[in-house]
Each structure stands twice: as structure tokens, then as C-alpha cells.
């Protein structure tokens, strides 16, 4: 059974709405781009465009891999969808991709976004 965080991130993906959350003690503004698992551990590949990181305030938006068990205080926020213009390497965040906002995903997601 997917977690409540998984369900909210999936809703954000379907509606193309950004999310505010706390991850590892830092407030983040993200757009979840992929949801999946490595074993039983739920994960998300996100594009962080605001908030802070362990290194301080975010300077440049970037791709991050989040463990859903470490995400708290998740809320959908108003604003434009951010997903970056490109990435230079294949994702290594999760072994099984369940959902991907990219309709031409090369990762063969298990489920389609509706």
C-alpha cells in the first residue's frame, strides 16, 4: 500500500502542481517527476527549485532523489511546474519506476498518469 506522501506526490504529478515539504530537516520546494521503489523503499526523483538544502539556500534548481519515508509536512502549493530542461545522465534514484511525468519516458513506468 503506497504511503500518504506517495499519494500526495502522485496528485502533484497528475495536476502538475509544485509541492512544499520538509526533507532531512530542510524546507524544500519541489516538483516530483518520478515515483518508484528500490526494494520496498519508496523514492521520488524531484526537481528542487526553492527552499534550502544541507548546504544552505538553494542557489540553482537541481535534480534530487528523496526517500519518501524522510519527507514530512507535504502540501501542494500554487505556482508553475518546474522540471528542468535536461539531465546529463540516466536516473539512478530508483530501480523500479512506477510513475513518470514524461509521457515518452525511457524507463517504462509500471503505471500511467491519468
N, C-alpha and C. Protein backbone atom coordinates (compact mmCIF):
# COMPACT_ATOMS: atom_id res chain seq x y z
N UNK A 1 0.85 -1.18 0.00
CA UNK A 1 0.00 0.00 0.00
C UNK A 1 0.89 1.24 0.00
N UNK A 2 0.72 2.13 -0.97
CA UNK A 2 1.53 3.35 -1.00
C UNK A 2 1.26 4.24 0.21
N UNK A 3 2.28 4.97 0.62
CA UNK A 3 2.18 5.89 1.76
C UNK A 3 1.35 7.12 1.40
N UNK A 4 0.99 7.87 2.44
CA UNK A 4 0.25 9.12 2.24
C UNK A 4 1.10 10.13 1.46
N UNK A 5 2.41 10.15 1.71
CA UNK A 5 3.31 11.05 0.97
C UNK A 5 3.31 10.66 -0.50
N UNK A 6 3.37 9.37 -0.80
CA UNK A 6 3.32 8.88 -2.18
C UNK A 6 2.06 9.37 -2.86
N UNK A 7 0.92 9.24 -2.17
CA UNK A 7 -0.36 9.66 -2.75
C UNK A 7 -0.38 11.15 -3.06
N UNK A 8 0.16 11.97 -2.16
CA UNK A 8 0.17 13.42 -2.38
C UNK A 8 1.13 13.80 -3.52
N UNK A 9 2.29 13.16 -3.58
CA UNK A 9 3.22 13.45 -4.68
C UNK A 9 2.63 13.01 -6.02
N UNK A 10 1.92 11.90 -6.02
CA UNK A 10 1.26 11.44 -7.24
C UNK A 10 0.20 12.44 -7.69
N UNK A 11 -0.56 12.97 -6.74
CA UNK A 11 -1.55 14.01 -7.07
C UNK A 11 -0.86 15.24 -7.67
N UNK A 12 0.27 15.64 -7.09
CA UNK A 12 1.03 16.78 -7.63
C UNK A 12 1.47 16.51 -9.06
N UNK A 13 1.92 15.29 -9.32
CA UNK A 13 2.36 14.93 -10.68
C UNK A 13 1.19 14.99 -11.66
N UNK A 14 0.06 14.44 -11.26
CA UNK A 14 -1.12 14.43 -12.15
C UNK A 14 -1.61 15.84 -12.46
N UNK A 15 -1.55 16.72 -11.46
CA UNK A 15 -2.05 18.09 -11.63
C UNK A 15 -0.96 19.07 -12.04
N UNK A 16 0.28 18.59 -12.14
CA UNK A 16 1.44 19.46 -12.45
C UNK A 16 1.47 20.66 -11.50
N UNK A 17 1.43 20.34 -10.19
CA UNK A 17 1.50 21.37 -9.15
C UNK A 17 2.73 21.16 -8.30
N UNK A 18 3.42 22.22 -7.96
CA UNK A 18 4.59 22.10 -7.08
C UNK A 18 4.18 21.73 -5.66
N UNK A 19 5.17 21.31 -4.90
CA UNK A 19 4.97 20.84 -3.54
C UNK A 19 5.96 21.54 -2.62
N UNK A 20 5.51 21.86 -1.43
CA UNK A 20 6.41 22.31 -0.35
C UNK A 20 6.46 21.17 0.66
N UNK A 21 7.65 20.91 1.20
CA UNK A 21 7.80 19.83 2.17
C UNK A 21 9.05 20.07 3.01
N UNK A 22 9.24 19.22 3.99
CA UNK A 22 10.48 19.21 4.75
C UNK A 22 11.15 17.87 4.46
N UNK A 23 12.41 17.93 4.06
CA UNK A 23 13.19 16.71 3.79
C UNK A 23 14.52 16.85 4.51
N UNK A 24 14.82 15.89 5.36
CA UNK A 24 16.05 15.90 6.15
C UNK A 24 16.25 17.23 6.88
N UNK A 25 15.14 17.75 7.42
CA UNK A 25 15.20 18.96 8.24
C UNK A 25 15.24 20.28 7.49
N UNK A 26 15.12 20.23 6.18
CA UNK A 26 15.18 21.45 5.37
C UNK A 26 13.88 21.63 4.59
N UNK A 27 13.37 22.88 4.59
CA UNK A 27 12.17 23.18 3.80
C UNK A 27 12.55 23.21 2.33
N UNK A 28 11.79 22.50 1.53
CA UNK A 28 12.08 22.39 0.10
C UNK A 28 10.84 22.73 -0.71
N UNK A 29 11.07 23.28 -1.89
CA UNK A 29 10.01 23.46 -2.88
C UNK A 29 10.44 22.62 -4.07
N UNK A 30 9.57 21.67 -4.44
CA UNK A 30 9.94 20.67 -5.43
C UNK A 30 8.80 20.41 -6.41
N UNK A 31 9.17 19.80 -7.52
CA UNK A 31 8.21 19.20 -8.43
C UNK A 31 8.62 17.73 -8.58
N UNK A 32 7.77 16.79 -8.13
CA UNK A 32 8.10 15.38 -8.28
C UNK A 32 7.94 14.96 -9.74
N UNK A 33 8.96 14.35 -10.29
CA UNK A 33 8.95 13.97 -11.70
C UNK A 33 8.79 12.46 -11.88
N UNK A 34 9.32 11.68 -10.94
CA UNK A 34 9.17 10.22 -10.97
C UNK A 34 8.89 9.72 -9.56
N UNK A 35 8.08 8.69 -9.50
CA UNK A 35 7.86 7.94 -8.25
C UNK A 35 8.18 6.49 -8.51
N UNK A 36 8.79 5.83 -7.52
CA UNK A 36 9.11 4.43 -7.69
C UNK A 36 9.65 3.83 -6.41
N UNK A 37 10.38 2.73 -6.58
CA UNK A 37 10.89 1.98 -5.43
C UNK A 37 12.24 1.38 -5.74
N UNK A 38 12.96 1.18 -4.67
CA UNK A 38 14.12 0.30 -4.69
C UNK A 38 13.82 -0.70 -3.57
N UNK A 39 13.52 -1.91 -3.93
CA UNK A 39 13.01 -2.87 -2.96
C UNK A 39 11.66 -2.37 -2.46
N UNK A 40 11.50 -2.28 -1.14
CA UNK A 40 10.26 -1.77 -0.57
C UNK A 40 10.32 -0.28 -0.27
N UNK A 41 11.47 0.35 -0.45
CA UNK A 41 11.65 1.76 -0.12
C UNK A 41 11.09 2.66 -1.23
N UNK A 42 10.11 3.49 -0.86
CA UNK A 42 9.52 4.44 -1.81
C UNK A 42 10.49 5.60 -2.03
N UNK A 43 10.63 6.01 -3.29
CA UNK A 43 11.53 7.11 -3.63
C UNK A 43 10.88 8.02 -4.66
N UNK A 44 11.41 9.24 -4.75
CA UNK A 44 10.94 10.20 -5.75
C UNK A 44 12.15 10.90 -6.35
N UNK A 45 12.14 11.04 -7.65
CA UNK A 45 13.09 11.91 -8.33
C UNK A 45 12.36 13.24 -8.47
N UNK A 46 12.95 14.28 -7.89
CA UNK A 46 12.29 15.59 -7.86
C UNK A 46 13.20 16.65 -8.45
N UNK A 47 12.59 17.74 -8.86
CA UNK A 47 13.34 18.91 -9.30
C UNK A 47 13.14 19.96 -8.23
N UNK A 48 14.18 20.23 -7.44
CA UNK A 48 14.08 21.22 -6.37
C UNK A 48 14.40 22.60 -6.94
N UNK A 49 13.44 23.51 -6.78
CA UNK A 49 13.60 24.86 -7.33
C UNK A 49 13.60 25.94 -6.26
N UNK A 50 13.30 25.58 -5.01
CA UNK A 50 13.26 26.57 -3.95
C UNK A 50 13.52 25.95 -2.59
N UNK A 51 13.67 26.81 -1.60
CA UNK A 51 13.90 26.35 -0.24
C UNK A 51 15.38 26.26 0.06
N UNK A 52 15.71 25.31 0.94
CA UNK A 52 17.10 25.15 1.36
C UNK A 52 17.54 23.70 1.19
N UNK A 53 18.85 23.50 1.29
CA UNK A 53 19.44 22.16 1.27
C UNK A 53 20.39 22.07 2.45
N UNK A 54 21.05 20.96 2.58
CA UNK A 54 22.03 20.80 3.67
C UNK A 54 23.18 21.79 3.52
N UNK A 55 23.33 22.37 2.34
CA UNK A 55 24.40 23.35 2.09
C UNK A 55 23.91 24.79 2.18
N UNK A 56 22.65 25.00 2.56
CA UNK A 56 22.12 26.35 2.70
C UNK A 56 21.04 26.64 1.67
N UNK A 57 20.71 27.94 1.47
CA UNK A 57 19.67 28.30 0.49
C UNK A 57 20.04 27.78 -0.90
N UNK A 58 19.01 27.34 -1.62
CA UNK A 58 19.26 26.79 -2.95
C UNK A 58 19.73 27.91 -3.87
N UNK A 59 20.83 27.68 -4.54
CA UNK A 59 21.36 28.66 -5.48
C UNK A 59 20.81 28.42 -6.87
N UNK A 60 20.88 27.17 -7.31
CA UNK A 60 20.44 26.79 -8.64
C UNK A 60 19.53 25.58 -8.51
N UNK A 61 18.40 25.60 -9.20
CA UNK A 61 17.49 24.46 -9.19
C UNK A 61 18.23 23.22 -9.68
N UNK A 62 17.87 22.05 -9.09
CA UNK A 62 18.61 20.85 -9.43
C UNK A 62 17.78 19.60 -9.15
N UNK A 63 18.18 18.48 -9.73
CA UNK A 63 17.56 17.18 -9.53
C UNK A 63 18.01 16.60 -8.20
N UNK A 64 17.07 15.98 -7.47
CA UNK A 64 17.36 15.34 -6.19
C UNK A 64 16.59 14.02 -6.11
N UNK A 65 17.16 13.08 -5.37
CA UNK A 65 16.49 11.81 -5.09
C UNK A 65 16.09 11.81 -3.63
N UNK A 66 14.79 11.69 -3.36
CA UNK A 66 14.28 11.72 -2.00
C UNK A 66 13.72 10.36 -1.61
N UNK A 67 13.99 9.95 -0.37
CA UNK A 67 13.33 8.78 0.23
C UNK A 67 12.03 9.29 0.85
N UNK A 68 10.91 8.74 0.43
CA UNK A 68 9.62 9.25 0.88
C UNK A 68 9.44 9.14 2.39
N UNK A 69 10.06 8.16 3.03
CA UNK A 69 9.95 8.00 4.48
C UNK A 69 10.56 9.18 5.23
N UNK A 70 11.41 9.96 4.57
CA UNK A 70 12.07 11.09 5.20
C UNK A 70 11.42 12.44 4.86
N UNK A 71 10.29 12.41 4.15
CA UNK A 71 9.57 13.63 3.78
C UNK A 71 8.43 13.85 4.77
N UNK A 72 8.32 15.08 5.29
CA UNK A 72 7.22 15.45 6.19
C UNK A 72 6.61 16.76 5.73
N UNK A 73 5.48 17.12 6.33
CA UNK A 73 4.82 18.41 6.11
C UNK A 73 4.61 18.72 4.63
N UNK A 74 4.10 17.76 3.89
CA UNK A 74 3.90 17.89 2.44
C UNK A 74 2.59 18.61 2.14
N UNK A 75 2.67 19.64 1.30
CA UNK A 75 1.46 20.34 0.84
C UNK A 75 1.64 20.74 -0.62
N UNK A 76 0.53 20.68 -1.35
CA UNK A 76 0.53 21.21 -2.71
C UNK A 76 0.53 22.73 -2.61
N UNK A 77 1.28 23.40 -3.48
CA UNK A 77 1.31 24.86 -3.48
C UNK A 77 0.97 25.38 -4.86
N UNK A 78 0.59 26.64 -4.92
CA UNK A 78 0.32 27.27 -6.20
C UNK A 78 1.64 27.71 -6.81
N UNK A 79 1.69 27.71 -8.10
CA UNK A 79 2.90 28.13 -8.80
C UNK A 79 3.09 27.31 -10.06
N UNK A 80 4.10 27.69 -10.80
CA UNK A 80 4.32 26.99 -12.07
C UNK A 80 5.12 25.71 -11.85
N UNK A 81 4.92 24.77 -12.74
CA UNK A 81 5.61 23.48 -12.72
C UNK A 81 7.04 23.67 -13.20
N UNK A 82 7.98 23.07 -12.49
CA UNK A 82 9.40 23.11 -12.85
C UNK A 82 9.87 21.68 -13.07
N UNK A 83 10.56 21.44 -14.17
CA UNK A 83 11.11 20.10 -14.36
C UNK A 83 12.47 20.13 -15.05
N UNK A 84 13.08 21.28 -15.13
CA UNK A 84 14.40 21.36 -15.76
C UNK A 84 14.30 21.21 -17.26
N UNK A 85 15.35 21.57 -17.93
CA UNK A 85 15.34 21.49 -19.38
C UNK A 85 16.03 20.22 -19.89
N UNK A 86 16.88 19.64 -19.07
CA UNK A 86 17.59 18.43 -19.49
C UNK A 86 18.32 17.83 -18.30
N UNK A 87 18.68 16.56 -18.44
CA UNK A 87 19.62 16.00 -17.49
C UNK A 87 20.71 15.30 -18.27
N UNK A 88 21.87 15.25 -17.69
CA UNK A 88 23.04 14.77 -18.43
C UNK A 88 23.27 13.28 -18.27
N UNK A 89 22.56 12.62 -17.35
CA UNK A 89 22.76 11.19 -17.19
C UNK A 89 21.45 10.52 -16.82
N UNK A 90 21.40 9.21 -16.97
CA UNK A 90 20.21 8.44 -16.63
C UNK A 90 19.97 8.48 -15.13
N UNK A 91 18.72 8.34 -14.72
CA UNK A 91 18.40 8.36 -13.30
C UNK A 91 18.88 7.07 -12.63
N UNK A 92 19.37 7.21 -11.42
CA UNK A 92 19.80 6.07 -10.60
C UNK A 92 19.10 6.11 -9.25
N UNK A 93 18.04 6.88 -9.17
CA UNK A 93 17.33 7.11 -7.92
C UNK A 93 16.58 5.86 -7.47
N UNK A 94 15.96 5.17 -8.40
CA UNK A 94 15.12 4.02 -8.06
C UNK A 94 15.31 2.90 -9.06
N UNK A 95 15.10 1.69 -8.61
CA UNK A 95 15.22 0.54 -9.51
C UNK A 95 13.95 0.31 -10.31
N UNK A 96 12.79 0.54 -9.69
CA UNK A 96 11.52 0.35 -10.39
C UNK A 96 10.79 1.69 -10.47
N UNK A 97 10.55 2.16 -11.67
CA UNK A 97 9.79 3.40 -11.88
C UNK A 97 8.31 3.04 -11.96
N UNK A 98 7.53 3.65 -11.06
CA UNK A 98 6.08 3.41 -11.08
C UNK A 98 5.36 4.46 -11.92
N UNK A 99 5.75 5.73 -11.76
CA UNK A 99 5.13 6.85 -12.49
C UNK A 99 6.21 7.80 -12.97
N UNK A 100 5.98 8.38 -14.15
CA UNK A 100 6.90 9.37 -14.71
C UNK A 100 6.05 10.41 -15.42
N UNK A 101 6.29 11.70 -15.13
CA UNK A 101 5.51 12.75 -15.79
C UNK A 101 5.84 12.86 -17.28
N UNK A 102 6.97 12.34 -17.68
CA UNK A 102 7.37 12.37 -19.08
C UNK A 102 6.57 11.32 -19.85
N UNK A 103 5.68 11.73 -20.76
CA UNK A 103 4.88 10.75 -21.49
C UNK A 103 5.73 9.85 -22.40
N UNK A 104 6.92 10.29 -22.75
CA UNK A 104 7.82 9.48 -23.58
C UNK A 104 8.95 8.90 -22.72
N UNK A 105 8.62 8.53 -21.50
CA UNK A 105 9.62 8.04 -20.55
C UNK A 105 10.40 6.85 -21.10
N UNK A 106 11.73 6.89 -21.00
CA UNK A 106 12.52 5.74 -21.42
C UNK A 106 12.60 4.66 -20.33
N UNK A 107 11.94 4.88 -19.20
CA UNK A 107 12.06 3.97 -18.06
C UNK A 107 10.92 2.96 -17.95
N UNK A 108 10.01 2.94 -18.89
CA UNK A 108 8.88 2.00 -18.89
C UNK A 108 8.17 1.97 -17.54
N UNK A 109 7.57 3.10 -17.13
CA UNK A 109 6.89 3.11 -15.84
C UNK A 109 5.80 2.04 -15.76
N UNK A 110 5.61 1.50 -14.57
CA UNK A 110 4.62 0.44 -14.36
C UNK A 110 3.19 0.94 -14.55
N UNK A 111 2.96 2.25 -14.26
CA UNK A 111 1.61 2.82 -14.34
C UNK A 111 1.63 4.10 -15.14
N UNK A 112 0.49 4.42 -15.74
CA UNK A 112 0.33 5.68 -16.48
C UNK A 112 -0.30 6.73 -15.58
N UNK A 113 0.11 7.97 -15.75
CA UNK A 113 -0.56 9.08 -15.06
C UNK A 113 -1.88 9.33 -15.77
N UNK A 114 -2.93 9.59 -15.00
CA UNK A 114 -4.25 9.86 -15.61
C UNK A 114 -4.58 11.30 -15.46
